[in-house]
Protein backbone atom coordinates (compact mmCIF):
# COMPACT_ATOMS: atom_id res chain seq x y z
CA UNK A 1 -46.27 -28.29 51.77
CA UNK A 2 -44.00 -31.23 50.96
CA UNK A 3 -41.98 -33.00 53.63
CA UNK A 4 -39.30 -35.64 53.19
CA UNK A 5 -39.38 -38.54 55.63
CA UNK A 6 -36.12 -40.39 56.29
CA UNK A 7 -36.23 -44.17 56.86
CA UNK A 8 -37.17 -45.34 60.38
CA UNK A 9 -34.23 -45.33 62.81
CA UNK A 10 -34.28 -46.55 66.42
CA UNK A 11 -31.93 -48.36 68.83
CA UNK A 12 -30.59 -51.49 67.13
CA UNK A 13 -31.21 -53.99 69.96
CA UNK A 14 -35.00 -53.90 70.31
CA UNK A 15 -34.96 -54.77 74.02
CA UNK A 16 -32.50 -52.02 74.94
CA UNK A 17 -34.26 -48.63 74.70
CA UNK A 18 -31.78 -47.25 77.22
CA UNK A 19 -29.17 -47.32 74.44
CA UNK A 20 -30.63 -44.03 73.22
CA UNK A 21 -30.56 -42.65 76.75
CA UNK A 22 -26.88 -43.56 77.08
CA UNK A 23 -26.21 -41.82 73.78
CA UNK A 24 -28.04 -38.67 74.86
CA UNK A 25 -26.17 -38.70 78.18
CA UNK A 26 -22.85 -38.80 76.34
CA UNK A 27 -23.84 -35.84 74.17
CA UNK A 28 -25.07 -33.93 77.23
CA UNK A 29 -21.67 -34.39 78.91
CA UNK A 30 -19.70 -33.43 75.81
CA UNK A 31 -17.58 -30.29 75.89
CA UNK A 32 -19.23 -29.42 72.61
CA UNK A 33 -22.76 -28.05 72.88
CA UNK A 34 -23.42 -28.14 69.15
CA UNK A 35 -23.09 -31.01 66.71
CA UNK A 36 -22.62 -30.86 62.96
CA UNK A 37 -24.77 -33.77 61.79
CA UNK A 38 -25.74 -37.33 62.55
CA UNK A 39 -22.85 -39.12 60.83
CA UNK A 40 -20.16 -36.92 62.33
CA UNK A 41 -21.93 -37.00 65.71
CA UNK A 42 -21.83 -40.78 65.63
CA UNK A 43 -18.17 -40.89 64.53
CA UNK A 44 -17.01 -38.37 67.13
CA UNK A 45 -19.12 -39.38 70.13
CA UNK A 46 -21.25 -42.50 69.81
CA UNK A 47 -19.34 -45.29 68.05
CA UNK A 48 -19.13 -47.34 71.26
CA UNK A 49 -22.72 -46.66 72.33
CA UNK A 50 -25.16 -47.04 69.43
CA UNK A 51 -24.95 -48.29 65.87
CA UNK A 52 -24.49 -45.93 62.97
CA UNK A 53 -28.02 -46.63 61.73
CA UNK A 54 -29.49 -45.84 65.15
CA UNK A 55 -28.17 -42.28 65.20
CA UNK A 56 -30.35 -40.40 62.64
CA UNK A 57 -33.45 -41.29 64.64
CA UNK A 58 -32.28 -39.04 67.50
CA UNK A 59 -32.38 -36.00 65.22
CA UNK A 60 -35.37 -33.89 64.24
CA UNK A 61 -36.24 -31.62 61.33
CA UNK A 62 -33.51 -30.72 58.85
CA UNK A 63 -34.78 -27.41 57.50
CA UNK A 64 -31.72 -27.00 55.24
CA UNK A 65 -33.00 -29.88 53.12
CA UNK A 66 -35.27 -28.94 50.22
CA UNK A 67 -37.97 -29.86 51.01
CA UNK A 68 -37.54 -30.05 54.77
CA UNK A 69 -36.71 -33.53 56.03
CA UNK A 70 -37.81 -35.24 59.23
CA UNK A 71 -34.93 -37.48 60.30
CA UNK A 72 -36.28 -38.90 63.56
CA UNK A 73 -37.95 -37.91 66.81
CA UNK A 74 -36.27 -34.59 67.58
CA UNK A 75 -34.10 -35.23 70.64
CA UNK A 76 -31.57 -33.10 68.78
CA UNK A 77 -32.93 -29.97 67.14
CA UNK A 78 -31.40 -27.86 64.41
CA UNK A 79 -30.17 -24.43 65.40
CA UNK A 80 -32.09 -21.80 63.37
CA UNK A 81 -30.25 -20.52 60.29
CA UNK A 82 -27.56 -23.16 60.82
CA UNK A 83 -26.62 -26.69 59.85
CA UNK A 84 -25.61 -27.45 63.44
CA UNK A 85 -27.67 -29.22 66.07
CA UNK A 86 -28.14 -29.11 69.85
CA UNK A 87 -29.87 -31.21 72.46
CA UNK A 88 -33.57 -30.36 72.70
CA UNK A 89 -35.26 -29.56 76.00
CA UNK A 90 -37.20 -32.84 75.76
CA UNK A 91 -33.91 -34.78 75.77
CA UNK A 92 -32.75 -32.95 78.90
CA UNK A 93 -36.04 -33.67 80.69
CA UNK A 94 -35.80 -37.35 79.78
CA UNK A 95 -32.22 -37.53 81.06
CA UNK A 96 -33.26 -35.91 84.33
CA UNK A 97 -35.81 -38.68 84.89
CA UNK A 98 -33.22 -41.32 84.02
CA UNK A 99 -30.68 -39.87 86.45
CA UNK A 100 -33.29 -40.14 89.19
CA UNK A 101 -33.19 -43.92 88.65
CA UNK A 102 -36.92 -44.12 87.97
CA UNK A 103 -36.74 -46.56 85.09
CA UNK A 104 -40.50 -47.02 84.71
CA UNK A 105 -41.23 -43.29 84.48
CA UNK A 106 -38.29 -42.83 82.13
CA UNK A 107 -39.47 -45.54 79.76
CA UNK A 108 -43.03 -44.22 79.85
CA UNK A 109 -41.78 -40.69 79.08
CA UNK A 110 -39.70 -42.06 76.20
CA UNK A 111 -42.73 -43.95 74.88
CA UNK A 112 -44.95 -40.84 75.04
CA UNK A 113 -42.33 -38.83 73.16
CA UNK A 114 -42.10 -41.46 70.42
CA UNK A 115 -45.88 -41.70 70.13
CA UNK A 116 -46.06 -37.95 69.58
CA UNK A 117 -42.98 -37.33 67.44
CA UNK A 118 -42.13 -40.55 65.56
CA UNK A 119 -43.89 -40.29 62.21
CA UNK A 120 -43.08 -43.91 61.41
CA UNK A 121 -44.50 -45.26 64.64
CA UNK A 122 -47.65 -43.18 64.13
CA UNK A 123 -48.00 -44.49 60.54
CA UNK A 124 -47.96 -48.03 61.86
CA UNK A 125 -50.32 -47.41 64.79
CA UNK A 126 -52.78 -45.38 62.72
CA UNK A 127 -53.10 -48.16 60.16
CA UNK A 128 -53.63 -50.66 62.98
CA UNK A 129 -56.31 -48.39 64.44
CA UNK A 130 -58.03 -48.01 61.08
CA UNK A 131 -58.01 -51.78 60.69
CA UNK A 132 -56.25 -51.94 57.32
CA UNK A 133 -52.96 -53.26 58.77
CA UNK A 134 -52.34 -56.08 61.21
CA UNK A 135 -49.21 -57.07 63.06
CA UNK A 136 -48.15 -60.61 62.14
CA UNK A 137 -45.53 -62.17 64.38
CA UNK A 138 -44.09 -58.78 65.16
CA UNK A 139 -41.45 -60.28 67.46
CA UNK A 140 -39.92 -61.47 64.20
CA UNK A 141 -39.44 -59.15 61.20
CA UNK A 142 -42.61 -57.05 61.02
CA UNK A 143 -45.16 -57.82 58.34
CA UNK A 144 -48.27 -55.86 57.51
CA UNK A 145 -51.21 -56.85 55.35
CA UNK A 146 -51.05 -53.61 53.38
CA UNK A 147 -51.24 -53.49 49.59
CA UNK A 148 -51.22 -49.69 49.41
CA UNK A 149 -48.14 -48.19 47.75
CA UNK A 150 -48.60 -44.96 49.69
CA UNK A 151 -48.62 -45.61 53.42
CA UNK A 152 -49.52 -42.05 54.41
CA UNK A 153 -52.29 -41.33 51.87
CA UNK A 154 -55.21 -39.44 53.45
CA UNK A 155 -53.69 -39.55 56.96
CA UNK A 156 -50.71 -37.23 56.44
CA UNK A 157 -51.66 -34.75 59.16
CA UNK A 158 -52.41 -37.45 61.71
CA UNK A 159 -49.09 -39.16 60.96
CA UNK A 160 -47.18 -35.99 61.81
CA UNK A 161 -48.57 -35.77 65.33
CA UNK A 162 -46.67 -33.22 67.41
CA UNK A 163 -44.87 -31.93 64.34
CA UNK A 164 -48.18 -30.20 63.53
CA UNK A 165 -49.72 -29.77 66.98
CA UNK A 166 -46.89 -28.66 69.29
CA UNK A 167 -46.14 -24.96 69.67
CA UNK A 168 -42.45 -25.89 69.84
CA UNK A 169 -42.51 -27.75 66.52
CA UNK A 170 -39.73 -26.51 64.22
CA UNK A 171 -41.85 -27.59 61.25
CA UNK A 172 -44.57 -25.08 62.15
CA UNK A 173 -42.05 -22.39 63.06
CA UNK A 174 -40.22 -22.91 59.78
CA UNK A 175 -43.46 -22.72 57.78
CA UNK A 176 -44.61 -19.57 59.59
CA UNK A 177 -41.31 -17.84 58.89
CA UNK A 178 -41.73 -18.53 55.19
CA UNK A 179 -45.36 -17.40 55.13
CA UNK A 180 -45.42 -14.35 57.37
CA UNK A 181 -47.74 -12.55 54.96
CA UNK A 182 -50.01 -15.53 54.37
CA UNK A 183 -52.92 -15.46 56.79
CA UNK A 184 -54.04 -18.92 55.68
CA UNK A 185 -50.74 -20.70 56.18
CA UNK A 186 -52.35 -23.09 58.67
CA UNK A 187 -54.59 -24.54 55.97
CA UNK A 188 -51.86 -26.07 53.82
CA UNK A 189 -52.07 -29.69 52.71
CA UNK A 190 -49.26 -32.01 53.68
CA UNK A 191 -47.49 -34.19 51.12
CA UNK A 192 -45.16 -36.71 52.74
CA UNK A 193 -42.45 -38.11 50.48
CA UNK A 194 -40.06 -40.93 51.34
CA UNK A 195 -36.32 -40.60 50.83
CA UNK A 196 -36.10 -44.27 49.79
CA UNK A 197 -38.32 -46.31 47.51
CA UNK A 198 -37.64 -49.64 49.23
CA UNK A 199 -38.61 -49.34 52.89
CA UNK A 200 -38.45 -51.78 55.78
CA UNK A 201 -40.40 -51.72 59.02
CA UNK A 202 -37.97 -54.01 60.84
CA UNK A 203 -36.53 -51.22 62.99
CA UNK A 204 -40.02 -50.50 64.36
CA UNK A 205 -39.64 -53.62 66.48
CA UNK A 206 -37.68 -51.42 68.91
CA UNK A 207 -40.51 -49.03 69.87
CA UNK A 208 -43.01 -51.92 69.78
CA UNK A 209 -40.93 -53.83 72.34
CA UNK A 210 -40.81 -50.66 74.44
CA UNK A 211 -44.60 -50.31 74.34
CA UNK A 212 -45.01 -54.00 75.11
CA UNK A 213 -42.60 -53.84 78.06
CA UNK A 214 -44.65 -51.13 79.79
CA UNK A 215 -47.93 -52.95 79.00
CA UNK A 216 -49.14 -50.40 76.47
CA UNK A 217 -49.43 -52.95 73.65
CA UNK A 218 -52.01 -55.72 73.81
CA UNK A 219 -52.99 -58.15 71.06
CA UNK A 220 -51.23 -56.04 68.46
CA UNK A 221 -53.02 -52.81 69.41
CA UNK A 222 -51.99 -49.78 71.42
CA UNK A 223 -53.64 -49.69 74.86
CA UNK A 224 -52.84 -46.37 76.51
CA UNK A 225 -53.48 -45.59 80.18
CA UNK A 226 -56.54 -43.44 80.70
CA UNK A 227 -54.57 -40.38 81.83
CA UNK A 228 -53.14 -40.06 78.31
CA UNK A 229 -56.39 -40.42 76.39
CA UNK A 230 -57.35 -36.75 76.85
CA UNK A 231 -54.50 -35.85 74.49
CA UNK A 232 -56.09 -36.10 71.05
CA UNK A 233 -52.80 -36.72 69.25
CA UNK A 234 -52.38 -39.86 71.40
CA UNK A 235 -56.01 -40.97 71.70
CA UNK A 236 -56.37 -41.43 67.94
CA UNK A 237 -53.66 -44.11 68.12
CA UNK A 238 -55.48 -46.24 70.70
CA UNK A 239 -58.49 -48.19 69.36
CA UNK A 240 -59.14 -49.82 72.72
CA UNK A 241 -60.90 -46.69 73.90
CA UNK A 242 -63.78 -48.06 71.89
CA UNK A 243 -67.12 -46.38 72.58
CA UNK A 244 -68.82 -45.28 69.33
CA UNK A 245 -68.35 -41.60 70.20
CA UNK A 246 -64.65 -42.17 70.90
CA UNK A 247 -64.25 -44.16 67.70
CA UNK A 248 -65.98 -41.42 65.71
CA UNK A 249 -63.75 -38.79 67.29
CA UNK A 250 -60.70 -40.93 66.59
CA UNK A 251 -61.61 -41.35 62.91
CA UNK A 252 -62.46 -37.64 62.64
CA UNK A 253 -59.05 -36.68 64.05
CA UNK A 254 -57.21 -39.26 61.97
CA UNK A 255 -58.57 -37.99 58.67
CA UNK A 256 -58.61 -34.28 59.61
CA UNK A 257 -56.51 -31.71 57.80
CA UNK A 258 -54.65 -29.08 59.77
CA UNK A 259 -57.77 -26.87 59.85
CA UNK A 260 -59.84 -29.61 61.46
CA UNK A 261 -61.93 -30.55 58.39
CA UNK A 262 -62.51 -34.27 57.80
CA UNK A 263 -63.96 -36.15 54.79
CA UNK A 264 -67.28 -37.47 56.04
CA UNK A 265 -67.56 -40.73 54.08
CA UNK A 266 -64.11 -42.15 55.05
CA UNK A 267 -64.79 -41.14 58.67
CA UNK A 268 -68.14 -42.94 58.76
CA UNK A 269 -66.77 -46.00 57.00
CA UNK A 270 -63.98 -46.17 59.59
CA UNK A 271 -66.62 -45.94 62.34
CA UNK A 272 -68.50 -48.85 60.76
CA UNK A 273 -65.32 -50.94 60.58
CA UNK A 274 -64.18 -50.23 64.12
CA UNK A 275 -67.62 -50.93 65.60
CA UNK A 276 -67.89 -54.21 63.67
CA UNK A 277 -71.02 -53.32 61.71
CA UNK A 278 -69.42 -52.97 58.27
CA UNK A 279 -70.36 -56.53 57.30
CA UNK A 280 -74.01 -55.68 57.91
CA UNK A 281 -73.72 -52.78 55.49
CA UNK A 282 -72.80 -54.87 52.49
CA UNK A 283 -74.12 -52.63 49.73
CA UNK A 284 -73.35 -48.99 49.08
CA UNK A 285 -77.01 -48.04 49.38
CA UNK A 286 -77.40 -49.60 52.84
CA UNK A 287 -74.30 -47.84 54.06
CA UNK A 288 -75.57 -44.50 52.74
CA UNK A 289 -78.99 -45.07 54.32
CA UNK A 290 -77.43 -45.91 57.69
CA UNK A 291 -75.06 -42.95 57.52
CA UNK A 292 -77.80 -40.46 56.59
CA UNK A 293 -80.26 -41.67 59.22
CA UNK A 294 -77.69 -41.79 62.03
CA UNK A 295 -76.24 -38.37 61.23
CA UNK A 296 -79.67 -36.81 60.79
CA UNK A 297 -80.69 -37.97 64.27
CA UNK A 298 -77.32 -37.01 65.78
CA UNK A 299 -77.45 -33.50 64.35
CA UNK A 300 -81.11 -33.02 65.30
CA UNK A 301 -80.58 -34.11 68.90
CA UNK A 302 -77.26 -32.28 69.34
CA UNK A 303 -75.12 -35.40 69.70
CA UNK A 304 -73.04 -33.96 66.88
CA UNK A 305 -72.53 -30.22 66.40
CA UNK A 306 -71.75 -29.24 62.83
CA UNK A 307 -69.58 -26.11 62.86
CA UNK A 308 -68.76 -25.83 59.15
CA UNK A 309 -68.81 -27.79 55.91
CA UNK A 310 -67.26 -27.30 52.50
CA UNK A 311 -66.73 -29.06 49.14
CA UNK A 312 -63.98 -31.60 48.74
CA UNK A 313 -62.46 -33.70 46.00
CA UNK A 314 -63.63 -36.89 44.30
CA UNK A 315 -61.38 -38.98 46.57
CA UNK A 316 -63.31 -37.68 49.61
CA UNK A 317 -66.38 -39.65 48.58
CA UNK A 318 -69.97 -38.77 49.33
CA UNK A 319 -70.89 -35.57 51.14
CA UNK A 320 -73.25 -35.02 54.06
CA UNK A 321 -76.69 -36.31 52.95
CA UNK A 322 -75.23 -36.62 49.43
CA UNK A 323 -74.46 -32.90 49.21
CA UNK A 324 -71.29 -32.35 47.13
CA UNK A 325 -70.88 -28.95 48.77
CA UNK A 326 -70.49 -30.64 52.18
CA UNK A 327 -67.92 -33.40 51.69
CA UNK A 328 -65.60 -31.99 54.37
CA UNK A 329 -66.97 -31.28 57.83
CA UNK A 330 -65.79 -29.67 61.02
CA UNK A 331 -67.83 -31.00 63.90
CA UNK A 332 -67.87 -31.83 67.61
CA UNK A 333 -69.02 -35.21 68.95
CA UNK A 334 -70.73 -35.59 72.34
CA UNK A 335 -71.24 -38.72 74.52
CA UNK A 336 -74.95 -38.77 73.65
CA UNK A 337 -73.88 -40.16 70.28
CA UNK A 338 -73.32 -43.55 71.93
CA UNK A 339 -77.03 -44.01 72.69
CA UNK A 340 -78.08 -42.92 69.21
CA UNK A 341 -75.55 -45.23 67.61
CA UNK A 342 -77.08 -48.24 69.35
CA UNK A 343 -80.53 -47.21 68.13
CA UNK A 344 -79.37 -47.15 64.52
CA UNK A 345 -77.10 -50.18 64.73
CA UNK A 346 -78.00 -52.53 61.86
CA UNK A 347 -79.08 -56.09 62.57
CA UNK A 348 -76.85 -58.81 61.18
């Protein structure tokens, strides 16, 4: 399934996340309960509240686009079989918190929503977690050390977050309605396409400032409070929950397709990077030896439960114990993995 992804759009003054709340409050008070699109919504209601470029980010999935297009974070949702939009329940809940004058809870709720529903923010945080991007002077225009022309390659499903995991996701509902006779419609592969070739991450300063203001961003990495780490779609964004078993689960979730199958070699290489042992595994043979011995012990002792395995593609790398028929795995990781990992940790 192909999905178009519109450019990132947030409030224009990075230190003023309440600009979006003011905009949503205006729409909630409007005599109109439906809105025809982001440009007309801005012209008719929001010209004195937010910038024109800030408005698309409030909107969600445009299913009338071919292919479907994710505009923003879904505070406005498209009415089924229509080109019109309405405020989503999540926007109303956020406004209720704001009206109660609990600024901290409101900002935290806004941050959680963005972490789940903003594809662009998840792209950035996932690359930071995987270690192949770094924030460089992010208070200024954002730079990343990425040379990849495709920012979502191999992590498409993880990037989509709640768009693929929430029962209320219009993306899933739209796909189900088109595949009512297809029993395997949950096993599709995601292909994210950008609506523009030249993209800028400058607008992502806004959500980064929000995360920083509530102390959820430290040293360029997401640091979530513990009560949020049980939500897998959030935990995979936070590398500071850094036990080996947590890191393995994070990498497994990051690379997983919608069925829960993950390519074993990229997952294990990510584990080696995030646990700072990659430099000790300088040659391909030493990495393979470490991977085979660790997984053999983990599977034997029940620290990892292998539920299913299947062939993959060349890009998925080496399979389990070199078996080409087991490049993709569906497994569960248990805390006992931490002890085993230390036993097989290579010496520098």
